Amino acid sequence: MSQTHLEILQEIQNTQEQLQQLTEQKRQILACRSHPSPLAYYGSPYRAVYHQRLIKLETQLSEHKHILQQQLCQLEQELARVKSSSP
C-alpha cells in the first residue's frame, strides 16, 4: 500500500469517527428535547429559548454531518482511484 492509500484510509477512519460523535450528540439533543431541563417548565419564558437553542444545535449538527458524509464519499472515491492506479 502506498503512503497516499494509507493517508486516505486514515482520513476515512477519522471522518467515520466524527460522524459517530455527531450521531451521539444528536441523540443527546433529542433526549433533551424529550425531557427538558427543569428550568424549561411549561409557561416559562426559558422554555422557548431552550427549545430554540436545541433546534439550532440540531440543525448545525445535521449540516455538519451532511458535510462529513460528502467528504467520506469523496475520500472513498479517491481511495478507489488510488487503488485502481497502483500496480
PDB file of N, CA and C in Angstrom:
ATOM      1  N   MET A   1       0.834  -1.179   0.000  1.00  0.00           N
ATOM      2  CA  MET A   1       0.000   0.000   0.000  1.00  0.00           C
ATOM      3  C   MET A   1       0.882   1.247   0.000  1.00  0.00           C
ATOM      4  N   SER A   2       0.472   2.192  -0.771  1.00  0.00           N
ATOM      5  CA  SER A   2       1.238   3.438  -0.856  1.00  0.00           C
ATOM      6  C   SER A   2       0.905   4.337   0.329  1.00  0.00           C
ATOM      7  N   GLN A   3       1.754   5.324   0.522  1.00  0.00           N
ATOM      8  CA  GLN A   3       1.540   6.304   1.597  1.00  0.00           C
ATOM      9  C   GLN A   3       0.203   7.017   1.394  1.00  0.00           C
ATOM     10  N   THR A   4      -0.107   7.376   0.143  1.00  0.00           N
ATOM     11  CA  THR A   4      -1.365   8.053  -0.163  1.00  0.00           C
ATOM     12  C   THR A   4      -2.551   7.175   0.229  1.00  0.00           C
ATOM     13  N   HIS A   5      -2.444   5.894  -0.087  1.00  0.00           N
ATOM     14  CA  HIS A   5      -3.503   4.938   0.242  1.00  0.00           C
ATOM     15  C   HIS A   5      -3.729   4.920   1.758  1.00  0.00           C
ATOM     16  N   LEU A   6      -2.645   4.836   2.516  1.00  0.00           N
ATOM     17  CA  LEU A   6      -2.748   4.817   3.981  1.00  0.00           C
ATOM     18  C   LEU A   6      -3.316   6.126   4.526  1.00  0.00           C
ATOM     19  N   GLU A   7      -2.908   7.235   3.940  1.00  0.00           N
ATOM     20  CA  GLU A   7      -3.422   8.542   4.377  1.00  0.00           C
ATOM     21  C   GLU A   7      -4.927   8.634   4.139  1.00  0.00           C
ATOM     22  N   ILE A   8      -5.377   8.159   2.989  1.00  0.00           N
ATOM     23  CA  ILE A   8      -6.811   8.202   2.685  1.00  0.00           C
ATOM     24  C   ILE A   8      -7.578   7.296   3.643  1.00  0.00           C
ATOM     25  N   LEU A   9      -7.034   6.107   3.906  1.00  0.00           N
ATOM     26  CA  LEU A   9      -7.697   5.207   4.860  1.00  0.00           C
ATOM     27  C   LEU A   9      -7.799   5.859   6.243  1.00  0.00           C
ATOM     28  N   GLN A  10      -6.750   6.559   6.662  1.00  0.00           N
ATOM     29  CA  GLN A  10      -6.765   7.245   7.958  1.00  0.00           C
ATOM     30  C   GLN A  10      -7.812   8.363   7.961  1.00  0.00           C
ATOM     31  N   GLU A  11      -7.882   9.110   6.885  1.00  0.00           N
ATOM     32  CA  GLU A  11      -8.889  10.182   6.787  1.00  0.00           C
ATOM     33  C   GLU A  11     -10.300   9.609   6.827  1.00  0.00           C
ATOM     34  N   ILE A  12     -10.498   8.483   6.144  1.00  0.00           N
ATOM     35  CA  ILE A  12     -11.812   7.828   6.162  1.00  0.00           C
ATOM     36  C   ILE A  12     -12.160   7.425   7.589  1.00  0.00           C
ATOM     37  N   GLN A  13     -11.214   6.826   8.291  1.00  0.00           N
ATOM     38  CA  GLN A  13     -11.463   6.402   9.671  1.00  0.00           C
ATOM     39  C   GLN A  13     -11.784   7.612  10.554  1.00  0.00           C
ATOM     40  N   ASN A  14     -11.009   8.690  10.415  1.00  0.00           N
ATOM     41  CA  ASN A  14     -11.260   9.898  11.209  1.00  0.00           C
ATOM     42  C   ASN A  14     -12.647  10.478  10.917  1.00  0.00           C
ATOM     43  N   THR A  15     -13.021  10.502   9.648  1.00  0.00           N
ATOM     44  CA  THR A  15     -14.329  11.033   9.263  1.00  0.00           C
ATOM     45  C   THR A  15     -15.451  10.168   9.829  1.00  0.00           C
ATOM     46  N   GLN A  16     -15.273   8.856   9.787  1.00  0.00           N
ATOM     47  CA  GLN A  16     -16.288   7.959  10.341  1.00  0.00           C
ATOM     48  C   GLN A  16     -16.424   8.156  11.850  1.00  0.00           C
ATOM     49  N   GLU A  17     -15.308   8.388  12.533  1.00  0.00           N
ATOM     50  CA  GLU A  17     -15.362   8.646  13.979  1.00  0.00           C
ATOM     51  C   GLU A  17     -16.100   9.955  14.262  1.00  0.00           C
ATOM     52  N   GLN A  18     -15.841  10.975  13.457  1.00  0.00           N
ATOM     53  CA  GLN A  18     -16.543  12.257  13.636  1.00  0.00           C
ATOM     54  C   GLN A  18     -18.039  12.084  13.409  1.00  0.00           C
ATOM     55  N   LEU A  19     -18.406  11.281  12.413  1.00  0.00           N
ATOM     56  CA  LEU A  19     -19.825  11.021  12.153  1.00  0.00           C
ATOM     57  C   LEU A  19     -20.468  10.310  13.335  1.00  0.00           C
ATOM     58  N   GLN A  20     -19.758   9.370  13.947  1.00  0.00           N
ATOM     59  CA  GLN A  20     -20.290   8.677  15.119  1.00  0.00           C
ATOM     60  C   GLN A  20     -20.489   9.653  16.281  1.00  0.00           C
ATOM     61  N   GLN A  21     -19.530  10.555  16.477  1.00  0.00           N
ATOM     62  CA  GLN A  21     -19.657  11.550  17.541  1.00  0.00           C
ATOM     63  C   GLN A  21     -20.859  12.461  17.304  1.00  0.00           C
ATOM     64  N   LEU A  22     -21.049  12.881  16.057  1.00  0.00           N
ATOM     65  CA  LEU A  22     -22.196  13.735  15.730  1.00  0.00           C
ATOM     66  C   LEU A  22     -23.510  12.999  15.971  1.00  0.00           C
ATOM     67  N   THR A  23     -23.542  11.730  15.608  1.00  0.00           N
ATOM     68  CA  THR A  23     -24.755  10.938  15.824  1.00  0.00           C
ATOM     69  C   THR A  23     -25.076  10.858  17.310  1.00  0.00           C
ATOM     70  N   GLU A  24     -24.057  10.669  18.149  1.00  0.00           N
ATOM     71  CA  GLU A  24     -24.258  10.624  19.598  1.00  0.00           C
ATOM     72  C   GLU A  24     -24.720  11.978  20.126  1.00  0.00           C
ATOM     73  N   GLN A  25     -24.120  13.062  19.646  1.00  0.00           N
ATOM     74  CA  GLN A  25     -24.536  14.393  20.085  1.00  0.00           C
ATOM     75  C   GLN A  25     -25.985  14.659  19.701  1.00  0.00           C
ATOM     76  N   LYS A  26     -26.371  14.245  18.504  1.00  0.00           N
ATOM     77  CA  LYS A  26     -27.753  14.455  18.068  1.00  0.00           C
ATOM     78  C   LYS A  26     -28.705  13.638  18.939  1.00  0.00           C
ATOM     79  N   ARG A  27     -28.306  12.424  19.297  1.00  0.00           N
ATOM     80  CA  ARG A  27     -29.135  11.596  20.165  1.00  0.00           C
ATOM     81  C   ARG A  27     -29.332  12.284  21.518  1.00  0.00           C
ATOM     82  N   GLN A  28     -28.272  12.894  22.041  1.00  0.00           N
ATOM     83  CA  GLN A  28     -28.366  13.601  23.317  1.00  0.00           C
ATOM     84  C   GLN A  28     -29.295  14.813  23.212  1.00  0.00           C
ATOM     85  N   ILE A  29     -29.216  15.528  22.102  1.00  0.00           N
ATOM     86  CA  ILE A  29     -30.091  16.687  21.900  1.00  0.00           C
ATOM     87  C   ILE A  29     -31.552  16.239  21.843  1.00  0.00           C
ATOM     88  N   LEU A  30     -31.801  15.165  21.113  1.00  0.00           N
ATOM     89  CA  LEU A  30     -33.180  14.662  21.029  1.00  0.00           C
ATOM     90  C   LEU A  30     -33.682  14.226  22.401  1.00  0.00           C
ATOM     91  N   ALA A  31     -32.799  13.647  23.212  1.00  0.00           N
ATOM     92  CA  ALA A  31     -33.188  13.265  24.573  1.00  0.00           C
ATOM     93  C   ALA A  31     -33.524  14.505  25.402  1.00  0.00           C
ATOM     94  N   CYS A  32     -32.756  15.568  25.223  1.00  0.00           N
ATOM     95  CA  CYS A  32     -33.027  16.825  25.944  1.00  0.00           C
ATOM     96  C   CYS A  32     -34.362  17.425  25.510  1.00  0.00           C
ATOM     97  N   ARG A  33     -34.673  17.300  24.225  1.00  0.00           N
ATOM     98  CA  ARG A  33     -35.955  17.840  23.748  1.00  0.00           C
ATOM     99  C   ARG A  33     -37.120  17.029  24.302  1.00  0.00           C
ATOM    100  N   SER A  34     -36.897  15.744  24.500  1.00  0.00           N
ATOM    101  CA  SER A  34     -37.949  14.891  25.046  1.00  0.00           C
ATOM    102  C   SER A  34     -38.121  15.115  26.544  1.00  0.00           C
ATOM    103  N   HIS A  35     -37.031  15.416  27.243  1.00  0.00           N
ATOM    104  CA  HIS A  35     -37.044  15.599  28.697  1.00  0.00           C
ATOM    105  C   HIS A  35     -36.331  16.905  29.020  1.00  0.00           C
ATOM    106  N   PRO A  36     -37.025  18.027  28.860  1.00  0.00           N
ATOM    107  CA  PRO A  36     -36.383  19.330  29.048  1.00  0.00           C
ATOM    108  C   PRO A  36     -35.921  19.568  30.480  1.00  0.00           C
ATOM    109  N   SER A  37     -35.029  20.487  30.596  1.00  0.00           N
ATOM    110  CA  SER A  37     -34.489  20.915  31.879  1.00  0.00           C
ATOM    111  C   SER A  37     -35.623  21.437  32.767  1.00  0.00           C
ATOM    112  N   PRO A  38     -35.459  21.305  34.090  1.00  0.00           N
ATOM    113  CA  PRO A  38     -36.470  21.883  34.998  1.00  0.00           C
ATOM    114  C   PRO A  38     -36.663  23.393  34.779  1.00  0.00           C
ATOM    115  N   LEU A  39     -35.616  24.069  34.286  1.00  0.00           N
ATOM    116  CA  LEU A  39     -35.745  25.498  34.001  1.00  0.00           C
ATOM    117  C   LEU A  39     -36.731  25.761  32.864  1.00  0.00           C
ATOM    118  N   ALA A  40     -36.945  24.726  32.046  1.00  0.00           N
ATOM    119  CA  ALA A  40     -37.779  24.899  30.859  1.00  0.00           C
ATOM    120  C   ALA A  40     -39.203  24.394  31.104  1.00  0.00           C
ATOM    121  N   TYR A  41     -39.722  24.614  32.300  1.00  0.00           N
ATOM    122  CA  TYR A  41     -41.075  24.156  32.586  1.00  0.00           C
ATOM    123  C   TYR A  41     -42.097  24.913  31.735  1.00  0.00           C
ATOM    124  N   TYR A  42     -43.250  24.319  31.586  1.00  0.00           N
ATOM    125  CA  TYR A  42     -44.287  24.910  30.740  1.00  0.00           C
ATOM    126  C   TYR A  42     -44.654  26.296  31.226  1.00  0.00           C
ATOM    127  N   GLY A  43     -44.794  27.210  30.302  1.00  0.00           N
ATOM    128  CA  GLY A  43     -45.163  28.566  30.635  1.00  0.00           C
ATOM    129  C   GLY A  43     -43.973  29.470  30.937  1.00  0.00           C
ATOM    130  N   SER A  44     -42.806  28.860  31.052  1.00  0.00           N
ATOM    131  CA  SER A  44     -41.608  29.643  31.349  1.00  0.00           C
ATOM    132  C   SER A  44     -41.081  30.310  30.083  1.00  0.00           C
ATOM    133  N   PRO A  45     -40.616  31.556  30.199  1.00  0.00           N
ATOM    134  CA  PRO A  45     -40.010  32.188  29.027  1.00  0.00           C
ATOM    135  C   PRO A  45     -38.722  31.456  28.606  1.00  0.00           C
ATOM    136  N   TYR A  46     -38.124  30.731  29.539  1.00  0.00           N
ATOM    137  CA  TYR A  46     -36.915  29.991  29.215  1.00  0.00           C
ATOM    138  C   TYR A  46     -37.188  28.798  28.304  1.00  0.00           C
ATOM    139  N   ARG A  47     -38.399  28.290  28.374  1.00  0.00           N
ATOM    140  CA  ARG A  47     -38.745  27.097  27.591  1.00  0.00           C
ATOM    141  C   ARG A  47     -38.559  27.344  26.100  1.00  0.00           C
ATOM    142  N   ALA A  48     -39.059  28.458  25.606  1.00  0.00           N
ATOM    143  CA  ALA A  48     -38.956  28.754  24.179  1.00  0.00           C
ATOM    144  C   ALA A  48     -37.494  28.945  23.772  1.00  0.00           C
ATOM    145  N   VAL A  49     -36.737  29.646  24.601  1.00  0.00           N
ATOM    146  CA  VAL A  49     -35.318  29.872  24.313  1.00  0.00           C
ATOM    147  C   VAL A  49     -34.571  28.546  24.314  1.00  0.00           C
ATOM    148  N   TYR A  50     -34.837  27.733  25.328  1.00  0.00           N
ATOM    149  CA  TYR A  50     -34.208  26.418  25.459  1.00  0.00           C
ATOM    150  C   TYR A  50     -34.511  25.564  24.228  1.00  0.00           C
ATOM    151  N   HIS A  51     -35.769  25.532  23.857  1.00  0.00           N
ATOM    152  CA  HIS A  51     -36.204  24.731  22.705  1.00  0.00           C
ATOM    153  C   HIS A  51     -35.559  25.255  21.419  1.00  0.00           C
ATOM    154  N   GLN A  52     -35.520  26.569  21.230  1.00  0.00           N
ATOM    155  CA  GLN A  52     -34.901  27.153  20.036  1.00  0.00           C
ATOM    156  C   GLN A  52     -33.419  26.821  19.958  1.00  0.00           C
ATOM    157  N   ARG A  53     -32.734  26.859  21.085  1.00  0.00           N
ATOM    158  CA  ARG A  53     -31.298  26.535  21.101  1.00  0.00           C
ATOM    159  C   ARG A  53     -31.069  25.073  20.733  1.00  0.00           C
ATOM    160  N   LEU A  54     -31.920  24.204  21.243  1.00  0.00           N
ATOM    161  CA  LEU A  54     -31.788  22.783  20.905  1.00  0.00           C
ATOM    162  C   LEU A  54     -32.014  22.555  19.405  1.00  0.00           C
ATOM    163  N   ILE A  55     -33.009  23.226  18.863  1.00  0.00           N
ATOM    164  CA  ILE A  55     -33.291  23.084  17.429  1.00  0.00           C
ATOM    165  C   ILE A  55     -32.115  23.626  16.613  1.00  0.00           C
ATOM    166  N   LYS A  56     -31.561  24.764  17.033  1.00  0.00           N
ATOM    167  CA  LYS A  56     -30.417  25.346  16.323  1.00  0.00           C
ATOM    168  C   LYS A  56     -29.219  24.396  16.364  1.00  0.00           C
ATOM    169  N   LEU A  57     -28.947  23.829  17.541  1.00  0.00           N
ATOM    170  CA  LEU A  57     -27.851  22.866  17.664  1.00  0.00           C
ATOM    171  C   LEU A  57     -28.085  21.651  16.770  1.00  0.00           C
ATOM    172  N   GLU A  58     -29.304  21.172  16.780  1.00  0.00           N
ATOM    173  CA  GLU A  58     -29.641  20.004  15.960  1.00  0.00           C
ATOM    174  C   GLU A  58     -29.441  20.308  14.474  1.00  0.00           C
ATOM    175  N   THR A  59     -29.829  21.498  14.050  1.00  0.00           N
ATOM    176  CA  THR A  59     -29.656  21.907  12.657  1.00  0.00           C
ATOM    177  C   THR A  59     -28.177  21.992  12.303  1.00  0.00           C
ATOM    178  N   GLN A  60     -27.380  22.583  13.187  1.00  0.00           N
ATOM    179  CA  GLN A  60     -25.938  22.692  12.943  1.00  0.00           C
ATOM    180  C   GLN A  60     -25.294  21.307  12.855  1.00  0.00           C
ATOM    181  N   LEU A  61     -25.699  20.409  13.747  1.00  0.00           N
ATOM    182  CA  LEU A  61     -25.160  19.050  13.711  1.00  0.00           C
ATOM    183  C   LEU A  61     -25.543  18.340  12.410  1.00  0.00           C
ATOM    184  N   SER A  62     -26.781  18.530  11.978  1.00  0.00           N
ATOM    185  CA  SER A  62     -27.229  17.898  10.734  1.00  0.00           C
ATOM    186  C   SER A  62     -26.432  18.418   9.543  1.00  0.00           C
ATOM    187  N   GLU A  63     -26.173  19.729   9.522  1.00  0.00           N
ATOM    188  CA  GLU A  63     -25.393  20.314   8.428  1.00  0.00           C
ATOM    189  C   GLU A  63     -23.959  19.782   8.444  1.00  0.00           C
ATOM    190  N   HIS A  64     -23.369  19.727   9.622  1.00  0.00           N
ATOM    191  CA  HIS A  64     -22.002  19.218   9.747  1.00  0.00           C
ATOM    192  C   HIS A  64     -21.938  17.743   9.340  1.00  0.00           C
ATOM    193  N   LYS A  65     -22.946  16.988   9.748  1.00  0.00           N
ATOM    194  CA  LYS A  65     -22.998  15.565   9.399  1.00  0.00           C
ATOM    195  C   LYS A  65     -23.089  15.399   7.888  1.00  0.00           C
ATOM    196  N   HIS A  66     -23.889  16.222   7.242  1.00  0.00           N
ATOM    197  CA  HIS A  66     -24.033  16.159   5.783  1.00  0.00           C
ATOM    198  C   HIS A  66     -22.690  16.443   5.106  1.00  0.00           C
ATOM    199  N   ILE A  67     -21.970  17.451   5.585  1.00  0.00           N
ATOM    200  CA  ILE A  67     -20.652  17.797   5.030  1.00  0.00           C
ATOM    201  C   ILE A  67     -19.684  16.623   5.214  1.00  0.00           C
ATOM    202  N   LEU A  68     -19.691  16.030   6.407  1.00  0.00           N
ATOM    203  CA  LEU A  68     -18.799  14.897   6.661  1.00  0.00           C
ATOM    204  C   LEU A  68     -19.142  13.700   5.781  1.00  0.00           C
ATOM    205  N   GLN A  69     -20.436  13.473   5.557  1.00  0.00           N
ATOM    206  CA  GLN A  69     -20.838  12.374   4.685  1.00  0.00           C
ATOM    207  C   GLN A  69     -20.357  12.608   3.258  1.00  0.00           C
ATOM    208  N   GLN A  70     -20.407  13.855   2.803  1.00  0.00           N
ATOM    209  CA  GLN A  70     -19.894  14.184   1.467  1.00  0.00           C
ATOM    210  C   GLN A  70     -18.385  13.962   1.407  1.00  0.00           C
ATOM    211  N   GLN A  71     -17.672  14.394   2.448  1.00  0.00           N
ATOM    212  CA  GLN A  71     -16.228  14.194   2.500  1.00  0.00           C
ATOM    213  C   GLN A  71     -15.888  12.710   2.480  1.00  0.00           C
ATOM    214  N   LEU A  72     -16.648  11.929   3.236  1.00  0.00           N
ATOM    215  CA  LEU A  72     -16.425  10.487   3.286  1.00  0.00           C
ATOM    216  C   LEU A  72     -16.604   9.869   1.903  1.00  0.00           C
ATOM    217  N   CYS A  73     -17.630  10.285   1.204  1.00  0.00           N
ATOM    218  CA  CYS A  73     -17.889   9.790  -0.146  1.00  0.00           C
ATOM    219  C   CYS A  73     -16.720  10.151  -1.071  1.00  0.00           C
ATOM    220  N   GLN A  74     -16.252  11.386  -0.983  1.00  0.00           N
ATOM    221  CA  GLN A  74     -15.121  11.818  -1.813  1.00  0.00           C
ATOM    222  C   GLN A  74     -13.860  11.030  -1.479  1.00  0.00           C
ATOM    223  N   LEU A  75     -13.631  10.783  -0.192  1.00  0.00           N
ATOM    224  CA  LEU A  75     -12.459  10.017   0.222  1.00  0.00           C
ATOM    225  C   LEU A  75     -12.529   8.581  -0.299  1.00  0.00           C
ATOM    226  N   GLU A  76     -13.710   7.999  -0.248  1.00  0.00           N
ATOM    227  CA  GLU A  76     -13.871   6.634  -0.747  1.00  0.00           C
ATOM    228  C   GLU A  76     -13.642   6.580  -2.252  1.00  0.00           C
ATOM    229  N   GLN A  77     -14.088   7.600  -2.976  1.00  0.00           N
ATOM    230  CA  GLN A  77     -13.835   7.675  -4.416  1.00  0.00           C
ATOM    231  C   GLN A  77     -12.346   7.839  -4.689  1.00  0.00           C
ATOM    232  N   GLU A  78     -11.683   8.675  -3.905  1.00  0.00           N
ATOM    233  CA  GLU A  78     -10.239   8.889  -4.053  1.00  0.00           C
ATOM    234  C   GLU A  78      -9.482   7.594  -3.763  1.00  0.00           C
ATOM    235  N   LEU A  79      -9.916   6.877  -2.745  1.00  0.00           N
ATOM    236  CA  LEU A  79      -9.286   5.603  -2.406  1.00  0.00           C
ATOM    237  C   LEU A  79      -9.441   4.610  -3.556  1.00  0.00           C
ATOM    238  N   ALA A  80     -10.615   4.544  -4.136  1.00  0.00           N
ATOM    239  CA  ALA A  80     -10.849   3.644  -5.270  1.00  0.00           C
ATOM    240  C   ALA A  80      -9.950   4.026  -6.445  1.00  0.00           C
ATOM    241  N   ARG A  81      -9.794   5.330  -6.666  1.00  0.00           N
ATOM    242  CA  ARG A  81      -8.948   5.801  -7.757  1.00  0.00           C
ATOM    243  C   ARG A  81      -7.484   5.418  -7.509  1.00  0.00           C
ATOM    244  N   VAL A  82      -7.025   5.613  -6.265  1.00  0.00           N
ATOM    245  CA  VAL A  82      -5.637   5.284  -5.910  1.00  0.00           C
ATOM    246  C   VAL A  82      -5.407   3.775  -6.034  1.00  0.00           C
ATOM    247  N   LYS A  83      -6.374   2.984  -5.590  1.00  0.00           N
ATOM    248  CA  LYS A  83      -6.249   1.528  -5.690  1.00  0.00           C
ATOM    249  C   LYS A  83      -6.149   1.082  -7.144  1.00  0.00           C
ATOM    250  N   SER A  84      -6.988   1.689  -7.985  1.00  0.00           N
ATOM    251  CA  SER A  84      -7.001   1.270  -9.394  1.00  0.00           C
ATOM    252  C   SER A  84      -5.754   1.729 -10.146  1.00  0.00           C
ATOM    253  N   SER A  85      -5.114   2.810  -9.691  1.00  0.00           N
ATOM    254  CA  SER A  85      -3.938   3.317 -10.392  1.00  0.00           C
ATOM    255  C   SER A  85      -2.641   2.692  -9.878  1.00  0.00           C
ATOM    256  N   SER A  86      -2.691   2.050  -8.705  1.00  0.00           N
ATOM    257  CA  SER A  86      -1.465   1.434  -8.184  1.00  0.00           C
ATOM    258  C   SER A  86      -1.284   0.041  -8.788  1.00  0.00           C
ATOM    259  N   PRO A  87      -0.022  -0.368  -8.960  1.00  0.00           N
ATOM    260  CA  PRO A  87       0.239  -1.660  -9.606  1.00  0.00           C
ATOM    261  C   PRO A  87      -0.208  -2.842  -8.772  1.00  0.00           C
TER     262      PRO A  87
END
